[in-house]
Amino acid sequence: LINMLPGLKFKEMKEYDVCCGSGGGVRAGRRPVSVEIGKRKADNIIAANVEGVIMECPFCYIQINDMLKQFYGGKVKVIYLIDLIAEAYRRADSK
């Protein structure tokens, strides 16, 4: 789906399938563990050398956004998948 959107280049990151540390109540109940897991995810995003990262889960969106801001000053933009698709449709409609 992402590859079908014009102007985007998909790049898979290391450990893309590893949890961000926010789900299952971890972020709320075990914050230090959540930060440790989330930082690892943020490190992998930075290592991928990308401008933005797309999230489909609202918990991942919040966690990754916070981790990237906390540890990397928000260097990478976090984009919610549905917002990306909506923007692609808006651009297509304006042409």
N, C-alpha and C. Protein backbone atom coordinates (compact mmCIF):
# COMPACT_ATOMS: atom_id res chain seq x y z
N LEU A 1 0.82 -1.19 0.00
CA LEU A 1 0.00 0.00 0.00
C LEU A 1 0.87 1.26 0.00
N ILE A 2 1.87 1.28 0.86
CA ILE A 2 2.74 2.46 0.96
C ILE A 2 3.50 2.68 -0.35
N ASN A 3 3.94 1.58 -0.96
CA ASN A 3 4.68 1.70 -2.22
C ASN A 3 3.82 2.25 -3.35
N MET A 4 2.51 2.21 -3.21
CA MET A 4 1.61 2.72 -4.23
C MET A 4 1.42 4.24 -4.13
N LEU A 5 1.82 4.83 -3.03
CA LEU A 5 1.66 6.27 -2.85
C LEU A 5 2.79 7.01 -3.55
N PRO A 6 2.46 7.98 -4.41
CA PRO A 6 3.50 8.69 -5.15
C PRO A 6 4.39 9.53 -4.23
N GLY A 7 5.67 9.56 -4.58
CA GLY A 7 6.61 10.40 -3.85
C GLY A 7 7.20 9.78 -2.60
N LEU A 8 6.85 8.54 -2.31
CA LEU A 8 7.37 7.87 -1.12
C LEU A 8 8.27 6.71 -1.51
N LYS A 9 9.28 6.51 -0.72
CA LYS A 9 10.16 5.36 -0.91
C LYS A 9 10.16 4.58 0.40
N PHE A 10 9.71 3.34 0.33
CA PHE A 10 9.63 2.49 1.52
C PHE A 10 11.00 1.91 1.82
N LYS A 11 11.38 1.96 3.09
CA LYS A 11 12.64 1.38 3.54
C LYS A 11 12.37 0.62 4.83
N GLU A 12 12.66 -0.66 4.82
CA GLU A 12 12.41 -1.48 6.00
C GLU A 12 13.54 -1.28 7.01
N MET A 13 13.17 -1.11 8.26
CA MET A 13 14.16 -0.91 9.31
C MET A 13 14.51 -2.22 10.01
N LYS A 14 15.61 -2.23 10.70
CA LYS A 14 16.03 -3.38 11.49
C LYS A 14 15.00 -3.61 12.60
N GLU A 15 14.69 -4.87 12.84
CA GLU A 15 13.75 -5.26 13.90
C GLU A 15 12.40 -4.55 13.77
N TYR A 16 11.93 -4.42 12.54
CA TYR A 16 10.65 -3.73 12.31
C TYR A 16 9.49 -4.40 13.02
N ASP A 17 9.62 -5.69 13.28
CA ASP A 17 8.52 -6.45 13.87
C ASP A 17 8.60 -6.59 15.39
N VAL A 18 9.53 -5.87 16.01
CA VAL A 18 9.68 -5.91 17.47
C VAL A 18 8.80 -4.81 18.09
N CYS A 19 8.14 -5.14 19.18
CA CYS A 19 7.24 -4.22 19.87
C CYS A 19 7.95 -2.91 20.24
N CYS A 20 7.18 -1.83 20.27
CA CYS A 20 7.71 -0.51 20.62
C CYS A 20 7.78 -0.28 22.13
N GLY A 21 7.14 -1.15 22.91
CA GLY A 21 7.18 -1.01 24.36
C GLY A 21 6.01 -0.27 24.97
N SER A 22 5.00 0.01 24.17
CA SER A 22 3.86 0.77 24.67
C SER A 22 2.64 -0.08 24.98
N GLY A 23 2.46 -1.15 24.24
CA GLY A 23 1.25 -1.96 24.36
C GLY A 23 1.19 -2.80 25.62
N GLY A 24 0.02 -3.36 25.83
CA GLY A 24 -0.19 -4.28 26.95
C GLY A 24 -0.06 -3.65 28.32
N GLY A 25 -0.16 -2.35 28.39
CA GLY A 25 -0.05 -1.66 29.68
C GLY A 25 1.37 -1.42 30.14
N VAL A 26 2.35 -1.79 29.31
CA VAL A 26 3.76 -1.62 29.71
C VAL A 26 4.10 -0.15 29.90
N ARG A 27 3.68 0.69 28.98
CA ARG A 27 3.99 2.13 29.07
C ARG A 27 3.40 2.73 30.35
N ALA A 28 2.20 2.32 30.70
CA ALA A 28 1.54 2.86 31.89
C ALA A 28 2.05 2.24 33.18
N GLY A 29 2.33 0.94 33.16
CA GLY A 29 2.65 0.25 34.40
C GLY A 29 4.11 -0.01 34.67
N ARG A 30 4.93 -0.01 33.62
CA ARG A 30 6.36 -0.30 33.79
C ARG A 30 7.16 0.65 32.91
N ARG A 31 7.05 1.90 33.23
CA ARG A 31 7.63 2.97 32.40
C ARG A 31 9.11 2.77 32.09
N PRO A 32 9.98 2.42 33.05
CA PRO A 32 11.39 2.23 32.70
C PRO A 32 11.60 1.14 31.64
N VAL A 33 10.84 0.07 31.73
CA VAL A 33 10.94 -1.00 30.73
C VAL A 33 10.45 -0.48 29.38
N SER A 34 9.35 0.27 29.41
CA SER A 34 8.80 0.85 28.19
C SER A 34 9.80 1.77 27.50
N VAL A 35 10.48 2.59 28.26
CA VAL A 35 11.48 3.51 27.70
C VAL A 35 12.66 2.74 27.12
N GLU A 36 13.10 1.71 27.80
CA GLU A 36 14.22 0.90 27.30
C GLU A 36 13.87 0.26 25.95
N ILE A 37 12.68 -0.31 25.87
CA ILE A 37 12.24 -0.94 24.62
C ILE A 37 12.02 0.12 23.54
N GLY A 38 11.38 1.22 23.91
CA GLY A 38 11.11 2.29 22.95
C GLY A 38 12.36 2.95 22.42
N LYS A 39 13.36 3.11 23.26
CA LYS A 39 14.63 3.70 22.80
C LYS A 39 15.30 2.81 21.78
N ARG A 40 15.23 1.51 22.00
CA ARG A 40 15.82 0.58 21.02
C ARG A 40 15.13 0.73 19.67
N LYS A 41 13.82 0.87 19.69
CA LYS A 41 13.07 1.08 18.45
C LYS A 41 13.48 2.40 17.80
N ALA A 42 13.59 3.45 18.61
CA ALA A 42 14.01 4.76 18.09
C ALA A 42 15.42 4.69 17.51
N ASP A 43 16.31 3.97 18.18
CA ASP A 43 17.67 3.79 17.67
C ASP A 43 17.66 3.15 16.28
N ASN A 44 16.80 2.14 16.10
CA ASN A 44 16.71 1.46 14.81
C ASN A 44 16.13 2.37 13.73
N ILE A 45 15.21 3.23 14.11
CA ILE A 45 14.65 4.19 13.15
C ILE A 45 15.73 5.17 12.71
N ILE A 46 16.48 5.69 13.66
CA ILE A 46 17.57 6.62 13.33
C ILE A 46 18.62 5.93 12.45
N ALA A 47 18.95 4.69 12.78
CA ALA A 47 19.94 3.94 12.00
C ALA A 47 19.48 3.70 10.57
N ALA A 48 18.18 3.68 10.34
CA ALA A 48 17.65 3.48 8.99
C ALA A 48 17.83 4.72 8.12
N ASN A 49 18.18 5.84 8.73
CA ASN A 49 18.43 7.08 8.01
C ASN A 49 17.24 7.48 7.12
N VAL A 50 16.10 7.68 7.77
CA VAL A 50 14.88 8.04 7.07
C VAL A 50 14.37 9.41 7.52
N GLU A 51 13.53 10.01 6.70
CA GLU A 51 12.93 11.31 7.05
C GLU A 51 11.70 11.14 7.91
N GLY A 52 10.99 10.02 7.72
CA GLY A 52 9.76 9.78 8.46
C GLY A 52 9.54 8.30 8.69
N VAL A 53 8.73 8.02 9.68
CA VAL A 53 8.36 6.64 10.00
C VAL A 53 6.84 6.58 10.12
N ILE A 54 6.26 5.54 9.55
CA ILE A 54 4.81 5.41 9.51
C ILE A 54 4.35 4.42 10.56
N MET A 55 3.35 4.82 11.32
CA MET A 55 2.78 3.97 12.36
C MET A 55 1.30 3.73 12.07
N GLU A 56 0.85 2.51 12.28
CA GLU A 56 -0.57 2.22 12.12
C GLU A 56 -1.28 2.08 13.47
N CYS A 57 -0.52 1.86 14.52
CA CYS A 57 -1.08 1.67 15.86
C CYS A 57 -0.97 2.98 16.65
N PRO A 58 -2.05 3.43 17.28
CA PRO A 58 -1.98 4.68 18.04
C PRO A 58 -1.02 4.61 19.23
N PHE A 59 -0.87 3.45 19.84
CA PHE A 59 0.07 3.31 20.95
C PHE A 59 1.51 3.44 20.44
N CYS A 60 1.80 2.81 19.30
CA CYS A 60 3.13 2.93 18.70
C CYS A 60 3.41 4.38 18.29
N TYR A 61 2.41 5.03 17.73
CA TYR A 61 2.56 6.42 17.31
C TYR A 61 3.00 7.29 18.49
N ILE A 62 2.31 7.19 19.59
CA ILE A 62 2.63 7.99 20.78
C ILE A 62 4.01 7.62 21.32
N GLN A 63 4.27 6.34 21.46
CA GLN A 63 5.54 5.87 22.03
C GLN A 63 6.73 6.29 21.17
N ILE A 64 6.66 6.01 19.87
CA ILE A 64 7.79 6.32 18.99
C ILE A 64 7.98 7.83 18.88
N ASN A 65 6.91 8.57 18.79
CA ASN A 65 7.02 10.03 18.75
C ASN A 65 7.73 10.55 20.01
N ASP A 66 7.32 10.06 21.17
CA ASP A 66 7.96 10.46 22.43
C ASP A 66 9.43 10.06 22.49
N MET A 67 9.74 8.85 22.08
CA MET A 67 11.13 8.37 22.15
C MET A 67 12.03 9.14 21.19
N LEU A 68 11.54 9.41 19.99
CA LEU A 68 12.34 10.18 19.04
C LEU A 68 12.56 11.61 19.52
N LYS A 69 11.56 12.20 20.15
CA LYS A 69 11.72 13.55 20.71
C LYS A 69 12.68 13.54 21.89
N GLN A 70 12.49 12.58 22.79
CA GLN A 70 13.31 12.52 24.01
C GLN A 70 14.78 12.26 23.71
N PHE A 71 15.06 11.33 22.83
CA PHE A 71 16.44 10.91 22.61
C PHE A 71 17.09 11.51 21.36
N TYR A 72 16.29 12.01 20.42
CA TYR A 72 16.85 12.51 19.16
C TYR A 72 16.29 13.87 18.75
N GLY A 73 15.63 14.55 19.65
CA GLY A 73 15.12 15.88 19.34
C GLY A 73 14.09 15.93 18.23
N GLY A 74 13.39 14.83 18.00
CA GLY A 74 12.36 14.80 16.96
C GLY A 74 12.92 14.82 15.55
N LYS A 75 14.11 14.29 15.38
CA LYS A 75 14.82 14.31 14.10
C LYS A 75 14.03 13.63 12.97
N VAL A 76 13.23 12.64 13.31
CA VAL A 76 12.44 11.91 12.32
C VAL A 76 10.96 12.17 12.57
N LYS A 77 10.23 12.45 11.52
CA LYS A 77 8.79 12.71 11.63
C LYS A 77 8.04 11.39 11.77
N VAL A 78 7.11 11.35 12.72
CA VAL A 78 6.25 10.17 12.92
C VAL A 78 4.90 10.48 12.28
N ILE A 79 4.48 9.59 11.40
CA ILE A 79 3.28 9.81 10.61
C ILE A 79 2.29 8.67 10.86
N TYR A 80 1.07 9.02 11.15
CA TYR A 80 0.02 8.02 11.34
C TYR A 80 -0.45 7.57 9.95
N LEU A 81 -0.53 6.27 9.73
CA LEU A 81 -0.82 5.72 8.41
C LEU A 81 -2.08 6.32 7.77
N ILE A 82 -3.14 6.43 8.52
CA ILE A 82 -4.38 6.96 7.96
C ILE A 82 -4.23 8.41 7.52
N ASP A 83 -3.41 9.18 8.23
CA ASP A 83 -3.15 10.57 7.83
C ASP A 83 -2.36 10.61 6.53
N LEU A 84 -1.44 9.69 6.36
CA LEU A 84 -0.64 9.62 5.13
C LEU A 84 -1.54 9.30 3.93
N ILE A 85 -2.42 8.34 4.11
CA ILE A 85 -3.34 7.96 3.02
C ILE A 85 -4.28 9.12 2.70
N ALA A 86 -4.82 9.77 3.72
CA ALA A 86 -5.72 10.91 3.50
C ALA A 86 -5.01 12.02 2.74
N GLU A 87 -3.77 12.30 3.09
CA GLU A 87 -2.99 13.34 2.40
C GLU A 87 -2.76 12.96 0.94
N ALA A 88 -2.48 11.70 0.67
CA ALA A 88 -2.29 11.24 -0.70
C ALA A 88 -3.56 11.45 -1.53
N TYR A 89 -4.71 11.16 -0.94
CA TYR A 89 -5.98 11.39 -1.64
C TYR A 89 -6.23 12.88 -1.87
N ARG A 90 -5.93 13.72 -0.88
CA ARG A 90 -6.10 15.17 -1.04
C ARG A 90 -5.24 15.68 -2.19
N ARG A 91 -4.02 15.21 -2.25
CA ARG A 91 -3.12 15.66 -3.33
C ARG A 91 -3.62 15.20 -4.69
N ALA A 92 -4.11 13.97 -4.76
CA ALA A 92 -4.62 13.44 -6.02
C ALA A 92 -5.86 14.22 -6.47
N ASP A 93 -6.71 14.59 -5.53
CA ASP A 93 -7.93 15.34 -5.85
C ASP A 93 -7.63 16.76 -6.32
N SER A 94 -6.52 17.32 -5.88
CA SER A 94 -6.19 18.70 -6.24
C SER A 94 -5.53 18.80 -7.61
N LYS A 95 -5.23 17.69 -8.22
CA LYS A 95 -4.58 17.71 -9.55
C LYS A 95 -5.58 17.73 -10.66
